[in-house]
N, C-alpha and C. Protein backbone atom coordinates (compact mmCIF):
# COMPACT_ATOMS: atom_id res chain seq x y z
N UNK A 1 0.85 -1.17 0.00
CA UNK A 1 0.00 0.00 0.00
C UNK A 1 0.90 1.24 0.00
N UNK A 2 0.65 2.18 -0.86
CA UNK A 2 1.45 3.40 -0.93
C UNK A 2 0.89 4.44 0.02
N UNK A 3 1.67 5.52 0.22
CA UNK A 3 1.22 6.61 1.08
C UNK A 3 -0.08 7.23 0.57
N UNK A 4 -0.33 7.14 -0.74
CA UNK A 4 -1.55 7.72 -1.31
C UNK A 4 -2.79 6.96 -0.84
N UNK A 5 -2.62 5.70 -0.43
CA UNK A 5 -3.73 4.91 0.06
C UNK A 5 -3.92 5.04 1.57
N UNK A 6 -3.07 5.76 2.22
CA UNK A 6 -3.11 5.92 3.67
C UNK A 6 -3.93 7.15 4.06
N UNK A 7 -4.34 7.19 5.32
CA UNK A 7 -5.03 8.38 5.84
C UNK A 7 -4.05 9.54 5.93
N UNK A 8 -4.60 10.72 5.97
CA UNK A 8 -3.81 11.94 6.06
C UNK A 8 -2.91 11.91 7.29
N UNK A 9 -1.62 12.23 7.08
CA UNK A 9 -0.67 12.29 8.17
C UNK A 9 0.03 10.97 8.47
N UNK A 10 -0.22 9.95 7.65
CA UNK A 10 0.38 8.64 7.89
C UNK A 10 1.37 8.32 6.78
N UNK A 11 2.60 8.09 7.17
CA UNK A 11 3.64 7.68 6.23
C UNK A 11 3.92 6.20 6.47
N UNK A 12 3.95 5.44 5.41
CA UNK A 12 4.12 3.99 5.54
C UNK A 12 5.43 3.63 6.25
N UNK A 13 6.47 4.41 6.02
CA UNK A 13 7.76 4.09 6.63
C UNK A 13 7.74 4.24 8.15
N UNK A 14 6.85 5.07 8.67
CA UNK A 14 6.75 5.31 10.11
C UNK A 14 5.54 4.62 10.75
N UNK A 15 4.86 3.77 9.98
CA UNK A 15 3.65 3.11 10.46
C UNK A 15 3.98 1.98 11.42
N UNK A 16 3.32 1.99 12.57
CA UNK A 16 3.49 0.93 13.57
C UNK A 16 2.11 0.40 13.94
N UNK A 17 2.07 -0.84 14.40
CA UNK A 17 0.82 -1.42 14.88
C UNK A 17 0.99 -1.76 16.35
N UNK A 18 -0.08 -1.56 17.10
CA UNK A 18 -0.06 -1.79 18.54
C UNK A 18 -1.32 -2.54 18.95
N UNK A 19 -1.16 -3.40 19.97
CA UNK A 19 -2.28 -4.19 20.49
C UNK A 19 -2.25 -4.07 22.01
N UNK A 20 -3.29 -3.47 22.57
CA UNK A 20 -3.35 -3.26 24.01
C UNK A 20 -4.55 -3.99 24.61
N UNK A 21 -4.28 -4.75 25.66
CA UNK A 21 -5.36 -5.40 26.38
C UNK A 21 -5.97 -4.37 27.32
N UNK A 22 -7.29 -4.29 27.30
CA UNK A 22 -8.01 -3.34 28.16
C UNK A 22 -8.71 -4.07 29.29
N UNK A 23 -8.90 -3.34 30.39
CA UNK A 23 -9.70 -3.87 31.49
C UNK A 23 -11.15 -3.83 31.02
N UNK A 24 -11.89 -4.95 31.14
CA UNK A 24 -13.29 -4.93 30.70
C UNK A 24 -14.07 -3.82 31.40
N UNK A 25 -14.84 -3.07 30.60
CA UNK A 25 -15.64 -1.98 31.14
C UNK A 25 -16.84 -1.74 30.24
N UNK A 26 -17.52 -0.65 30.48
CA UNK A 26 -18.73 -0.29 29.75
C UNK A 26 -18.43 -0.14 28.25
N UNK A 27 -19.18 -0.84 27.43
CA UNK A 27 -18.98 -0.82 25.97
C UNK A 27 -19.16 0.58 25.39
N UNK A 28 -20.06 1.36 25.96
CA UNK A 28 -20.29 2.73 25.47
C UNK A 28 -19.05 3.60 25.70
N UNK A 29 -18.37 3.42 26.83
CA UNK A 29 -17.16 4.18 27.12
C UNK A 29 -16.06 3.81 26.14
N UNK A 30 -15.94 2.53 25.85
CA UNK A 30 -14.93 2.08 24.89
C UNK A 30 -15.21 2.65 23.50
N UNK A 31 -16.46 2.62 23.08
CA UNK A 31 -16.80 3.15 21.76
C UNK A 31 -16.57 4.66 21.68
N UNK A 32 -16.85 5.37 22.76
CA UNK A 32 -16.60 6.82 22.79
C UNK A 32 -15.10 7.10 22.70
N UNK A 33 -14.30 6.31 23.41
CA UNK A 33 -12.85 6.47 23.36
C UNK A 33 -12.32 6.18 21.96
N UNK A 34 -12.83 5.13 21.34
CA UNK A 34 -12.40 4.78 19.98
C UNK A 34 -12.76 5.90 19.00
N UNK A 35 -13.93 6.48 19.18
CA UNK A 35 -14.33 7.59 18.30
C UNK A 35 -13.37 8.77 18.44
N UNK A 36 -12.94 9.08 19.67
CA UNK A 36 -11.98 10.17 19.88
C UNK A 36 -10.60 9.81 19.32
N UNK A 37 -10.16 8.58 19.55
CA UNK A 37 -8.86 8.13 19.04
C UNK A 37 -8.86 8.20 17.52
N UNK A 38 -9.96 7.84 16.90
CA UNK A 38 -10.06 7.82 15.44
C UNK A 38 -9.89 9.21 14.83
N UNK A 39 -10.03 10.26 15.62
CA UNK A 39 -9.89 11.63 15.12
C UNK A 39 -8.45 12.13 15.16
N UNK A 40 -7.54 11.36 15.75
CA UNK A 40 -6.14 11.79 15.88
C UNK A 40 -5.47 11.87 14.51
N UNK A 41 -4.75 12.96 14.30
CA UNK A 41 -3.98 13.15 13.06
C UNK A 41 -2.80 12.19 13.08
N UNK A 42 -2.68 11.37 12.07
CA UNK A 42 -1.60 10.40 11.99
C UNK A 42 -2.05 8.98 12.31
N UNK A 43 -3.33 8.81 12.65
CA UNK A 43 -3.86 7.48 12.94
C UNK A 43 -4.30 6.82 11.64
N UNK A 44 -3.88 5.60 11.42
CA UNK A 44 -4.30 4.83 10.25
C UNK A 44 -5.59 4.05 10.54
N UNK A 45 -5.62 3.35 11.68
CA UNK A 45 -6.81 2.58 12.02
C UNK A 45 -6.87 2.30 13.51
N UNK A 46 -8.09 2.09 13.99
CA UNK A 46 -8.32 1.68 15.37
C UNK A 46 -9.53 0.75 15.38
N UNK A 47 -9.42 -0.33 16.14
CA UNK A 47 -10.54 -1.26 16.28
C UNK A 47 -10.46 -1.91 17.65
N UNK A 48 -11.56 -2.51 18.05
CA UNK A 48 -11.63 -3.15 19.36
C UNK A 48 -12.23 -4.53 19.22
N UNK A 49 -11.55 -5.52 19.80
CA UNK A 49 -12.03 -6.90 19.83
C UNK A 49 -12.61 -7.14 21.22
N UNK A 50 -13.94 -7.10 21.32
CA UNK A 50 -14.59 -7.22 22.63
C UNK A 50 -14.43 -8.62 23.22
N UNK A 51 -14.28 -9.62 22.38
CA UNK A 51 -14.11 -10.99 22.86
C UNK A 51 -12.81 -11.14 23.64
N UNK A 52 -11.75 -10.48 23.16
CA UNK A 52 -10.44 -10.55 23.81
C UNK A 52 -10.10 -9.30 24.63
N UNK A 53 -11.00 -8.33 24.65
CA UNK A 53 -10.76 -7.03 25.32
C UNK A 53 -9.46 -6.41 24.84
N UNK A 54 -9.27 -6.39 23.52
CA UNK A 54 -8.02 -5.90 22.96
C UNK A 54 -8.28 -4.76 21.97
N UNK A 55 -7.53 -3.68 22.16
CA UNK A 55 -7.57 -2.52 21.27
C UNK A 55 -6.45 -2.66 20.25
N UNK A 56 -6.77 -2.51 18.97
CA UNK A 56 -5.79 -2.62 17.89
C UNK A 56 -5.63 -1.24 17.26
N UNK A 57 -4.38 -0.81 17.11
CA UNK A 57 -4.07 0.50 16.57
C UNK A 57 -3.00 0.39 15.49
N UNK A 58 -3.09 1.26 14.51
CA UNK A 58 -2.02 1.45 13.53
C UNK A 58 -1.88 2.95 13.37
N UNK A 59 -0.64 3.46 13.55
CA UNK A 59 -0.44 4.90 13.48
C UNK A 59 0.97 5.24 13.05
N UNK A 60 1.13 6.50 12.64
CA UNK A 60 2.44 7.03 12.28
C UNK A 60 3.12 7.45 13.58
N UNK A 61 4.21 6.79 13.93
CA UNK A 61 4.87 7.02 15.22
C UNK A 61 5.58 8.37 15.30
N UNK A 62 5.70 9.08 14.18
CA UNK A 62 6.28 10.42 14.25
C UNK A 62 5.22 11.45 14.62
N UNK A 63 3.95 11.08 14.57
CA UNK A 63 2.87 12.02 14.83
C UNK A 63 2.06 11.70 16.09
N UNK A 64 2.00 10.42 16.45
CA UNK A 64 1.21 9.98 17.60
C UNK A 64 2.11 9.09 18.46
N UNK A 65 1.85 9.11 19.75
CA UNK A 65 2.56 8.18 20.63
C UNK A 65 1.52 7.43 21.47
N UNK A 66 1.96 6.39 22.09
CA UNK A 66 1.08 5.57 22.91
C UNK A 66 0.46 6.38 24.05
N UNK A 67 1.22 7.33 24.58
CA UNK A 67 0.70 8.16 25.67
C UNK A 67 -0.51 8.98 25.24
N UNK A 68 -0.51 9.45 23.99
CA UNK A 68 -1.67 10.21 23.48
C UNK A 68 -2.92 9.34 23.50
N UNK A 69 -2.78 8.11 23.07
CA UNK A 69 -3.91 7.17 23.03
C UNK A 69 -4.37 6.86 24.46
N UNK A 70 -3.42 6.61 25.36
CA UNK A 70 -3.77 6.27 26.74
C UNK A 70 -4.43 7.45 27.46
N UNK A 71 -4.06 8.67 27.11
CA UNK A 71 -4.73 9.85 27.69
C UNK A 71 -6.21 9.87 27.32
N UNK A 72 -6.50 9.56 26.07
CA UNK A 72 -7.90 9.52 25.62
C UNK A 72 -8.65 8.40 26.32
N UNK A 73 -8.01 7.24 26.46
CA UNK A 73 -8.66 6.13 27.16
C UNK A 73 -9.00 6.53 28.60
N UNK A 74 -8.05 7.16 29.30
CA UNK A 74 -8.29 7.59 30.68
C UNK A 74 -9.43 8.60 30.76
N UNK A 75 -9.49 9.50 29.76
CA UNK A 75 -10.55 10.51 29.73
C UNK A 75 -11.93 9.86 29.71
N UNK A 76 -12.02 8.68 29.12
CA UNK A 76 -13.29 7.96 29.03
C UNK A 76 -13.40 6.84 30.07
N UNK A 77 -12.51 6.88 31.07
CA UNK A 77 -12.50 5.88 32.16
C UNK A 77 -12.30 4.46 31.65
N UNK A 78 -11.48 4.33 30.61
CA UNK A 78 -11.11 3.02 30.08
C UNK A 78 -9.65 2.79 30.47
N UNK A 79 -9.39 1.64 31.11
CA UNK A 79 -8.04 1.35 31.59
C UNK A 79 -7.36 0.29 30.76
N UNK A 80 -6.05 0.48 30.57
CA UNK A 80 -5.22 -0.55 29.97
C UNK A 80 -4.95 -1.57 31.07
N UNK A 81 -4.94 -2.84 30.71
CA UNK A 81 -4.71 -3.90 31.68
C UNK A 81 -3.40 -3.67 32.44
N UNK A 82 -3.39 -4.09 33.69
CA UNK A 82 -2.23 -3.89 34.54
C UNK A 82 -1.36 -5.14 34.67
N UNK A 83 -1.62 -6.15 33.84
CA UNK A 83 -0.81 -7.37 33.94
C UNK A 83 0.61 -7.11 33.42
N UNK A 84 1.54 -7.96 33.80
CA UNK A 84 2.96 -7.74 33.49
C UNK A 84 3.21 -7.76 31.98
N UNK A 85 2.51 -8.61 31.24
CA UNK A 85 2.75 -8.72 29.80
C UNK A 85 2.35 -7.43 29.08
N UNK A 86 1.23 -6.86 29.44
CA UNK A 86 0.77 -5.61 28.83
C UNK A 86 1.72 -4.47 29.19
N UNK A 87 2.16 -4.42 30.45
CA UNK A 87 3.12 -3.38 30.85
C UNK A 87 4.43 -3.51 30.08
N UNK A 88 4.90 -4.74 29.90
CA UNK A 88 6.13 -4.97 29.14
C UNK A 88 5.97 -4.50 27.69
N UNK A 89 4.83 -4.85 27.08
CA UNK A 89 4.58 -4.43 25.69
C UNK A 89 4.50 -2.91 25.59
N UNK A 90 3.85 -2.26 26.55
CA UNK A 90 3.75 -0.80 26.54
C UNK A 90 5.14 -0.16 26.55
N UNK A 91 6.01 -0.64 27.40
CA UNK A 91 7.36 -0.09 27.46
C UNK A 91 8.12 -0.32 26.15
N UNK A 92 7.95 -1.49 25.58
CA UNK A 92 8.58 -1.77 24.28
C UNK A 92 8.01 -0.85 23.19
N UNK A 93 6.70 -0.68 23.18
CA UNK A 93 6.07 0.21 22.21
C UNK A 93 6.60 1.64 22.35
N UNK A 94 6.73 2.12 23.58
CA UNK A 94 7.24 3.48 23.81
C UNK A 94 8.68 3.61 23.29
N UNK A 95 9.50 2.61 23.54
CA UNK A 95 10.88 2.61 23.08
C UNK A 95 10.94 2.67 21.56
N UNK A 96 10.16 1.83 20.90
CA UNK A 96 10.16 1.79 19.43
C UNK A 96 9.61 3.10 18.86
N UNK A 97 8.53 3.63 19.44
CA UNK A 97 7.97 4.90 18.97
C UNK A 97 9.00 6.02 19.04
N UNK A 98 9.72 6.08 20.16
CA UNK A 98 10.74 7.12 20.32
C UNK A 98 11.87 6.91 19.30
N UNK A 99 12.23 5.67 19.05
CA UNK A 99 13.27 5.36 18.07
C UNK A 99 12.84 5.80 16.67
N UNK A 100 11.59 5.57 16.32
CA UNK A 100 11.08 5.99 15.01
C UNK A 100 11.15 7.52 14.89
N UNK A 101 10.73 8.23 15.95
CA UNK A 101 10.80 9.70 15.94
C UNK A 101 12.23 10.18 15.80
N UNK A 102 13.13 9.60 16.57
CA UNK A 102 14.53 10.01 16.51
C UNK A 102 15.13 9.76 15.13
N UNK A 103 14.84 8.63 14.55
CA UNK A 103 15.38 8.31 13.23
C UNK A 103 14.80 9.19 12.14
N UNK A 104 13.57 9.63 12.30
CA UNK A 104 12.93 10.48 11.29
C UNK A 104 13.58 11.86 11.23
N UNK A 105 14.12 12.32 12.35
CA UNK A 105 14.74 13.65 12.38
C UNK A 105 16.26 13.60 12.29
N UNK A 106 16.83 12.41 12.30
CA UNK A 106 18.28 12.26 12.27
C UNK A 106 18.83 12.55 10.87
N UNK A 107 19.89 13.34 10.81
CA UNK A 107 20.55 13.66 9.55
C UNK A 107 21.58 12.56 9.27
N UNK A 108 21.42 11.80 8.16
CA UNK A 108 22.38 10.73 7.88
C UNK A 108 23.78 11.30 7.64
N UNK A 109 24.78 10.56 8.05
CA UNK A 109 26.14 11.00 7.91
C UNK A 109 26.99 9.84 7.40
N UNK A 110 27.91 10.15 6.54
CA UNK A 110 28.83 9.14 6.02
C UNK A 110 30.20 9.76 5.83
N UNK A 111 31.22 9.05 6.21
CA UNK A 111 32.58 9.55 6.03
C UNK A 111 32.96 9.59 4.55
N UNK A 112 32.25 8.88 3.72
CA UNK A 112 32.52 8.86 2.29
C UNK A 112 32.06 10.14 1.59
N UNK A 113 31.21 10.92 2.24
CA UNK A 113 30.72 12.15 1.65
C UNK A 113 31.48 13.37 2.15
N UNK A 114 32.40 13.16 3.03
CA UNK A 114 33.14 14.27 3.62
C UNK A 114 34.18 14.80 2.63
N UNK A 115 34.32 16.11 2.57
CA UNK A 115 35.33 16.71 1.70
C UNK A 115 36.50 17.16 2.55
N UNK A 116 37.67 17.21 1.95
CA UNK A 116 38.87 17.61 2.67
C UNK A 116 39.57 18.70 1.89
N UNK A 117 39.82 19.83 2.52
CA UNK A 117 40.64 20.90 1.98
C UNK A 117 40.18 21.44 0.65
N UNK A 118 40.56 20.85 -0.46
CA UNK A 118 40.31 21.40 -1.79
C UNK A 118 38.89 21.13 -2.27
N UNK A 119 38.08 20.48 -1.47
CA UNK A 119 36.72 20.19 -1.87
C UNK A 119 36.60 18.86 -2.60
N UNK A 120 37.72 18.17 -2.78
CA UNK A 120 37.68 16.87 -3.46
C UNK A 120 37.39 15.78 -2.43
N UNK A 121 36.69 14.80 -2.88
CA UNK A 121 36.41 13.66 -2.01
C UNK A 121 37.61 12.75 -1.97
N UNK A 122 37.84 12.15 -0.87
CA UNK A 122 38.94 11.18 -0.75
C UNK A 122 38.42 9.79 -0.86
């Protein structure tokens, strides 16, 4: 899929997918949170599997972070599961999201492109 097939603000090279287990709660609260999350600039998709209590997200990690999504969930009184596996995944997701952001703004450097004195490459 090319960037032209993506939602506004989503670049395929920075696209990440996330799966968060939620604490079971009121279905209306979850749907309201999903509606708010779906409005985020840089979000590709969001869905909820009620059978597994799992939220599925795809977003551009240079524009959205997991904390933005979790803030919206908290606003609607929806909690991410507190089990060790979910906490471990959250920390990994945060690390990868930050890495994507850092790499997107990093200026590539190569010693082969460096010029010396007369402007000639060595």
